[in-house]
Amino acid sequence: MPVFRVERNNGYTVMSNYHLRDKSLSLKAKGLLSQMLSLLEDWDYTLKSLALINREKIDAIR
């Protein structure tokens, strides 16, 4: 299957593949880290604020 790459300026996050290829991280951890990297630098990175933008509760995020 071909991969189509499109250059965008807004609404996209560019990140290294390093954490995605780390076998010591669970799939959930990789997803959460990817989401956190997509947020603004001054965003409130607390368990409560992460729970507000996800289906999971604080215990699952912890």
PDB file of N, CA and C in Angstrom:
ATOM      1  N   MET A   1       0.840  -1.167   0.000  1.00  0.00           N
ATOM      2  CA  MET A   1       0.000   0.000   0.000  1.00  0.00           C
ATOM      3  C   MET A   1       0.891   1.239   0.000  1.00  0.00           C
ATOM      4  N   PRO A   2       0.665   2.166  -0.905  1.00  0.00           N
ATOM      5  CA  PRO A   2       1.501   3.363  -0.951  1.00  0.00           C
ATOM      6  C   PRO A   2       1.188   4.312   0.209  1.00  0.00           C
ATOM      7  N   VAL A   3       2.182   5.075   0.594  1.00  0.00           N
ATOM      8  CA  VAL A   3       2.027   6.079   1.645  1.00  0.00           C
ATOM      9  C   VAL A   3       2.105   7.441   0.980  1.00  0.00           C
ATOM     10  N   PHE A   4       1.095   8.252   1.193  1.00  0.00           N
ATOM     11  CA  PHE A   4       1.058   9.593   0.626  1.00  0.00           C
ATOM     12  C   PHE A   4       1.409  10.593   1.708  1.00  0.00           C
ATOM     13  N   ARG A   5       2.402  11.379   1.476  1.00  0.00           N
ATOM     14  CA  ARG A   5       2.829  12.384   2.443  1.00  0.00           C
ATOM     15  C   ARG A   5       2.475  13.759   1.892  1.00  0.00           C
ATOM     16  N   VAL A   6       1.809  14.542   2.729  1.00  0.00           N
ATOM     17  CA  VAL A   6       1.366  15.869   2.333  1.00  0.00           C
ATOM     18  C   VAL A   6       1.920  16.863   3.334  1.00  0.00           C
ATOM     19  N   GLU A   7       2.515  17.922   2.867  1.00  0.00           N
ATOM     20  CA  GLU A   7       3.047  18.950   3.768  1.00  0.00           C
ATOM     21  C   GLU A   7       1.918  19.873   4.192  1.00  0.00           C
ATOM     22  N   ARG A   8       1.737  19.995   5.482  1.00  0.00           N
ATOM     23  CA  ARG A   8       0.696  20.858   6.052  1.00  0.00           C
ATOM     24  C   ARG A   8       1.345  21.857   6.997  1.00  0.00           C
ATOM     25  N   ASN A   9       0.669  22.962   7.197  1.00  0.00           N
ATOM     26  CA  ASN A   9       1.187  23.991   8.088  1.00  0.00           C
ATOM     27  C   ASN A   9       0.445  24.046   9.416  1.00  0.00           C
ATOM     28  N   ASN A  10      -0.828  23.701   9.425  1.00  0.00           N
ATOM     29  CA  ASN A  10      -1.641  23.818  10.637  1.00  0.00           C
ATOM     30  C   ASN A  10      -2.369  22.517  10.915  1.00  0.00           C
ATOM     31  N   GLY A  11      -2.578  22.215  12.185  1.00  0.00           N
ATOM     32  CA  GLY A  11      -3.383  21.076  12.575  1.00  0.00           C
ATOM     33  C   GLY A  11      -2.673  19.735  12.488  1.00  0.00           C
ATOM     34  N   TYR A  12      -1.366  19.730  12.366  1.00  0.00           N
ATOM     35  CA  TYR A  12      -0.605  18.489  12.281  1.00  0.00           C
ATOM     36  C   TYR A  12       0.566  18.544  13.249  1.00  0.00           C
ATOM     37  N   THR A  13       0.964  17.369  13.720  1.00  0.00           N
ATOM     38  CA  THR A  13       2.095  17.274  14.625  1.00  0.00           C
ATOM     39  C   THR A  13       3.192  16.469  13.957  1.00  0.00           C
ATOM     40  N   VAL A  14       4.387  16.997  13.958  1.00  0.00           N
ATOM     41  CA  VAL A  14       5.544  16.294  13.432  1.00  0.00           C
ATOM     42  C   VAL A  14       6.379  15.857  14.620  1.00  0.00           C
ATOM     43  N   MET A  15       6.684  14.558  14.686  1.00  0.00           N
ATOM     44  CA  MET A  15       7.452  14.050  15.814  1.00  0.00           C
ATOM     45  C   MET A  15       8.415  12.979  15.334  1.00  0.00           C
ATOM     46  N   SER A  16       9.381  12.721  16.150  1.00  0.00           N
ATOM     47  CA  SER A  16      10.358  11.678  15.865  1.00  0.00           C
ATOM     48  C   SER A  16       9.704  10.303  16.001  1.00  0.00           C
ATOM     49  N   ASN A  17      10.204   9.328  15.290  1.00  0.00           N
ATOM     50  CA  ASN A  17       9.730   7.948  15.411  1.00  0.00           C
ATOM     51  C   ASN A  17      10.337   7.239  16.618  1.00  0.00           C
ATOM     52  N   TYR A  18      11.242   7.903  17.322  1.00  0.00           N
ATOM     53  CA  TYR A  18      11.985   7.274  18.416  1.00  0.00           C
ATOM     54  C   TYR A  18      11.061   6.603  19.431  1.00  0.00           C
ATOM     55  N   HIS A  19      10.111   7.351  19.965  1.00  0.00           N
ATOM     56  CA  HIS A  19       9.240   6.767  20.997  1.00  0.00           C
ATOM     57  C   HIS A  19       8.267   5.750  20.408  1.00  0.00           C
ATOM     58  N   LEU A  20       7.913   5.887  19.140  1.00  0.00           N
ATOM     59  CA  LEU A  20       6.994   4.937  18.516  1.00  0.00           C
ATOM     60  C   LEU A  20       7.640   3.578  18.290  1.00  0.00           C
ATOM     61  N   ARG A  21       8.951   3.544  18.177  1.00  0.00           N
ATOM     62  CA  ARG A  21       9.675   2.294  17.938  1.00  0.00           C
ATOM     63  C   ARG A  21      10.267   1.693  19.213  1.00  0.00           C
ATOM     64  N   ASP A  22      10.046   2.352  20.341  1.00  0.00           N
ATOM     65  CA  ASP A  22      10.572   1.882  21.619  1.00  0.00           C
ATOM     66  C   ASP A  22       9.719   0.711  22.121  1.00  0.00           C
ATOM     67  N   LYS A  23      10.294  -0.489  22.124  1.00  0.00           N
ATOM     68  CA  LYS A  23       9.556  -1.690  22.510  1.00  0.00           C
ATOM     69  C   LYS A  23       9.256  -1.747  24.003  1.00  0.00           C
ATOM     70  N   SER A  24       9.894  -0.910  24.796  1.00  0.00           N
ATOM     71  CA  SER A  24       9.632  -0.919  26.234  1.00  0.00           C
ATOM     72  C   SER A  24       8.355  -0.154  26.588  1.00  0.00           C
ATOM     73  N   LEU A  25       7.810   0.618  25.654  1.00  0.00           N
ATOM     74  CA  LEU A  25       6.579   1.376  25.895  1.00  0.00           C
ATOM     75  C   LEU A  25       5.374   0.605  25.379  1.00  0.00           C
ATOM     76  N   SER A  26       4.277   0.645  26.138  1.00  0.00           N
ATOM     77  CA  SER A  26       3.039   0.006  25.685  1.00  0.00           C
ATOM     78  C   SER A  26       2.409   0.859  24.585  1.00  0.00           C
ATOM     79  N   LEU A  27       1.466   0.265  23.873  1.00  0.00           N
ATOM     80  CA  LEU A  27       0.763   1.000  22.829  1.00  0.00           C
ATOM     81  C   LEU A  27       0.001   2.181  23.428  1.00  0.00           C
ATOM     82  N   LYS A  28      -0.572   1.997  24.615  1.00  0.00           N
ATOM     83  CA  LYS A  28      -1.280   3.087  25.295  1.00  0.00           C
ATOM     84  C   LYS A  28      -0.319   4.224  25.643  1.00  0.00           C
ATOM     85  N   ALA A  29       0.871   3.869  26.127  1.00  0.00           N
ATOM     86  CA  ALA A  29       1.854   4.889  26.491  1.00  0.00           C
ATOM     87  C   ALA A  29       2.310   5.664  25.258  1.00  0.00           C
ATOM     88  N   LYS A  30       2.493   4.966  24.149  1.00  0.00           N
ATOM     89  CA  LYS A  30       2.898   5.632  22.904  1.00  0.00           C
ATOM     90  C   LYS A  30       1.824   6.597  22.424  1.00  0.00           C
ATOM     91  N   GLY A  31       0.572   6.191  22.546  1.00  0.00           N
ATOM     92  CA  GLY A  31      -0.534   7.056  22.146  1.00  0.00           C
ATOM     93  C   GLY A  31      -0.640   8.285  23.022  1.00  0.00           C
ATOM     94  N   LEU A  32      -0.513   8.086  24.335  1.00  0.00           N
ATOM     95  CA  LEU A  32      -0.591   9.210  25.273  1.00  0.00           C
ATOM     96  C   LEU A  32       0.562  10.183  25.046  1.00  0.00           C
ATOM     97  N   LEU A  33       1.764   9.646  24.870  1.00  0.00           N
ATOM     98  CA  LEU A  33       2.915  10.514  24.623  1.00  0.00           C
ATOM     99  C   LEU A  33       2.742  11.282  23.314  1.00  0.00           C
ATOM    100  N   SER A  34       2.243  10.624  22.282  1.00  0.00           N
ATOM    101  CA  SER A  34       2.001  11.304  21.005  1.00  0.00           C
ATOM    102  C   SER A  34       0.993  12.431  21.176  1.00  0.00           C
ATOM    103  N   GLN A  35      -0.066  12.174  21.942  1.00  0.00           N
ATOM    104  CA  GLN A  35      -1.051  13.211  22.198  1.00  0.00           C
ATOM    105  C   GLN A  35      -0.430  14.378  22.958  1.00  0.00           C
ATOM    106  N   MET A  36       0.370  14.073  23.969  1.00  0.00           N
ATOM    107  CA  MET A  36       0.998  15.124  24.766  1.00  0.00           C
ATOM    108  C   MET A  36       1.946  15.966  23.911  1.00  0.00           C
ATOM    109  N   LEU A  37       2.655  15.332  22.986  1.00  0.00           N
ATOM    110  CA  LEU A  37       3.553  16.083  22.107  1.00  0.00           C
ATOM    111  C   LEU A  37       2.787  16.979  21.143  1.00  0.00           C
ATOM    112  N   SER A  38       1.520  16.684  20.912  1.00  0.00           N
ATOM    113  CA  SER A  38       0.719  17.494  19.996  1.00  0.00           C
ATOM    114  C   SER A  38       0.128  18.730  20.663  1.00  0.00           C
ATOM    115  N   LEU A  39       0.180  18.776  21.994  1.00  0.00           N
ATOM    116  CA  LEU A  39      -0.399  19.904  22.733  1.00  0.00           C
ATOM    117  C   LEU A  39       0.567  21.083  22.774  1.00  0.00           C
ATOM    118  N   LEU A  40       0.028  22.242  23.065  1.00  0.00           N
ATOM    119  CA  LEU A  40       0.848  23.449  23.149  1.00  0.00           C
ATOM    120  C   LEU A  40       1.843  23.349  24.303  1.00  0.00           C
ATOM    121  N   GLU A  41       2.951  24.046  24.185  1.00  0.00           N
ATOM    122  CA  GLU A  41       3.999  23.984  25.208  1.00  0.00           C
ATOM    123  C   GLU A  41       3.526  24.461  26.574  1.00  0.00           C
ATOM    124  N   ASP A  42       2.644  25.444  26.618  1.00  0.00           N
ATOM    125  CA  ASP A  42       2.190  25.991  27.896  1.00  0.00           C
ATOM    126  C   ASP A  42       0.905  25.313  28.397  1.00  0.00           C
ATOM    127  N   TRP A  43       0.545  24.188  27.798  1.00  0.00           N
ATOM    128  CA  TRP A  43      -0.648  23.460  28.204  1.00  0.00           C
ATOM    129  C   TRP A  43      -0.454  22.887  29.598  1.00  0.00           C
ATOM    130  N   ASP A  44      -1.533  22.712  30.354  1.00  0.00           N
ATOM    131  CA  ASP A  44      -1.498  22.206  31.721  1.00  0.00           C
ATOM    132  C   ASP A  44      -1.392  20.683  31.698  1.00  0.00           C
ATOM    133  N   TYR A  45      -0.158  20.157  31.832  1.00  0.00           N
ATOM    134  CA  TYR A  45       0.096  18.719  31.760  1.00  0.00           C
ATOM    135  C   TYR A  45      -0.131  18.061  33.112  1.00  0.00           C
ATOM    136  N   THR A  46      -1.382  17.979  33.536  1.00  0.00           N
ATOM    137  CA  THR A  46      -1.717  17.287  34.780  1.00  0.00           C
ATOM    138  C   THR A  46      -2.598  16.095  34.439  1.00  0.00           C
ATOM    139  N   LEU A  47      -2.689  15.144  35.367  1.00  0.00           N
ATOM    140  CA  LEU A  47      -3.558  13.995  35.149  1.00  0.00           C
ATOM    141  C   LEU A  47      -5.002  14.444  34.932  1.00  0.00           C
ATOM    142  N   LYS A  48      -5.442  15.410  35.701  1.00  0.00           N
ATOM    143  CA  LYS A  48      -6.818  15.894  35.591  1.00  0.00           C
ATOM    144  C   LYS A  48      -7.089  16.495  34.213  1.00  0.00           C
ATOM    145  N   SER A  49      -6.170  17.316  33.727  1.00  0.00           N
ATOM    146  CA  SER A  49      -6.396  17.950  32.429  1.00  0.00           C
ATOM    147  C   SER A  49      -6.298  16.941  31.289  1.00  0.00           C
ATOM    148  N   LEU A  50      -5.435  15.931  31.425  1.00  0.00           N
ATOM    149  CA  LEU A  50      -5.371  14.882  30.405  1.00  0.00           C
ATOM    150  C   LEU A  50      -6.643  14.040  30.416  1.00  0.00           C
ATOM    151  N   ALA A  51      -7.204  13.805  31.598  1.00  0.00           N
ATOM    152  CA  ALA A  51      -8.448  13.042  31.689  1.00  0.00           C
ATOM    153  C   ALA A  51      -9.615  13.800  31.058  1.00  0.00           C
ATOM    154  N   LEU A  52      -9.566  15.120  31.104  1.00  0.00           N
ATOM    155  CA  LEU A  52     -10.647  15.921  30.526  1.00  0.00           C
ATOM    156  C   LEU A  52     -10.707  15.815  29.001  1.00  0.00           C
ATOM    157  N   ILE A  53      -9.593  15.520  28.357  1.00  0.00           N
ATOM    158  CA  ILE A  53      -9.588  15.459  26.889  1.00  0.00           C
ATOM    159  C   ILE A  53      -9.540  14.019  26.365  1.00  0.00           C
ATOM    160  N   ASN A  54      -9.728  13.044  27.273  1.00  0.00           N
ATOM    161  CA  ASN A  54      -9.707  11.635  26.901  1.00  0.00           C
ATOM    162  C   ASN A  54     -10.885  10.901  27.516  1.00  0.00           C
ATOM    163  N   ARG A  55     -11.152   9.710  27.001  1.00  0.00           N
ATOM    164  CA  ARG A  55     -12.195   8.850  27.575  1.00  0.00           C
ATOM    165  C   ARG A  55     -11.747   8.234  28.878  1.00  0.00           C
ATOM    166  N   GLU A  56     -10.462   7.956  28.999  1.00  0.00           N
ATOM    167  CA  GLU A  56      -9.925   7.293  30.170  1.00  0.00           C
ATOM    168  C   GLU A  56      -9.965   8.203  31.400  1.00  0.00           C
ATOM    169  N   LYS A  57     -10.077   7.556  32.530  1.00  0.00           N
ATOM    170  CA  LYS A  57     -10.065   8.285  33.800  1.00  0.00           C
ATOM    171  C   LYS A  57      -8.622   8.504  34.257  1.00  0.00           C
ATOM    172  N   ILE A  58      -8.465   9.252  35.329  1.00  0.00           N
ATOM    173  CA  ILE A  58      -7.143   9.595  35.855  1.00  0.00           C
ATOM    174  C   ILE A  58      -6.309   8.365  36.160  1.00  0.00           C
ATOM    175  N   ASP A  59      -6.925   7.327  36.736  1.00  0.00           N
ATOM    176  CA  ASP A  59      -6.161   6.110  37.080  1.00  0.00           C
ATOM    177  C   ASP A  59      -5.565   5.443  35.856  1.00  0.00           C
ATOM    178  N   ALA A  60      -6.288   5.409  34.758  1.00  0.00           N
ATOM    179  CA  ALA A  60      -5.777   4.793  33.522  1.00  0.00           C
ATOM    180  C   ALA A  60      -4.640   5.618  32.934  1.00  0.00           C
ATOM    181  N   ILE A  61      -4.734   6.927  33.041  1.00  0.00           N
ATOM    182  CA  ILE A  61      -3.677   7.803  32.520  1.00  0.00           C
ATOM    183  C   ILE A  61      -2.441   7.714  33.395  1.00  0.00           C
ATOM    184  N   ARG A  62      -2.637   7.601  34.681  1.00  0.00           N
ATOM    185  CA  ARG A  62      -1.510   7.486  35.606  1.00  0.00           C
ATOM    186  C   ARG A  62      -0.667   6.277  35.245  1.00  0.00           C
TER     187      ARG A  62
END
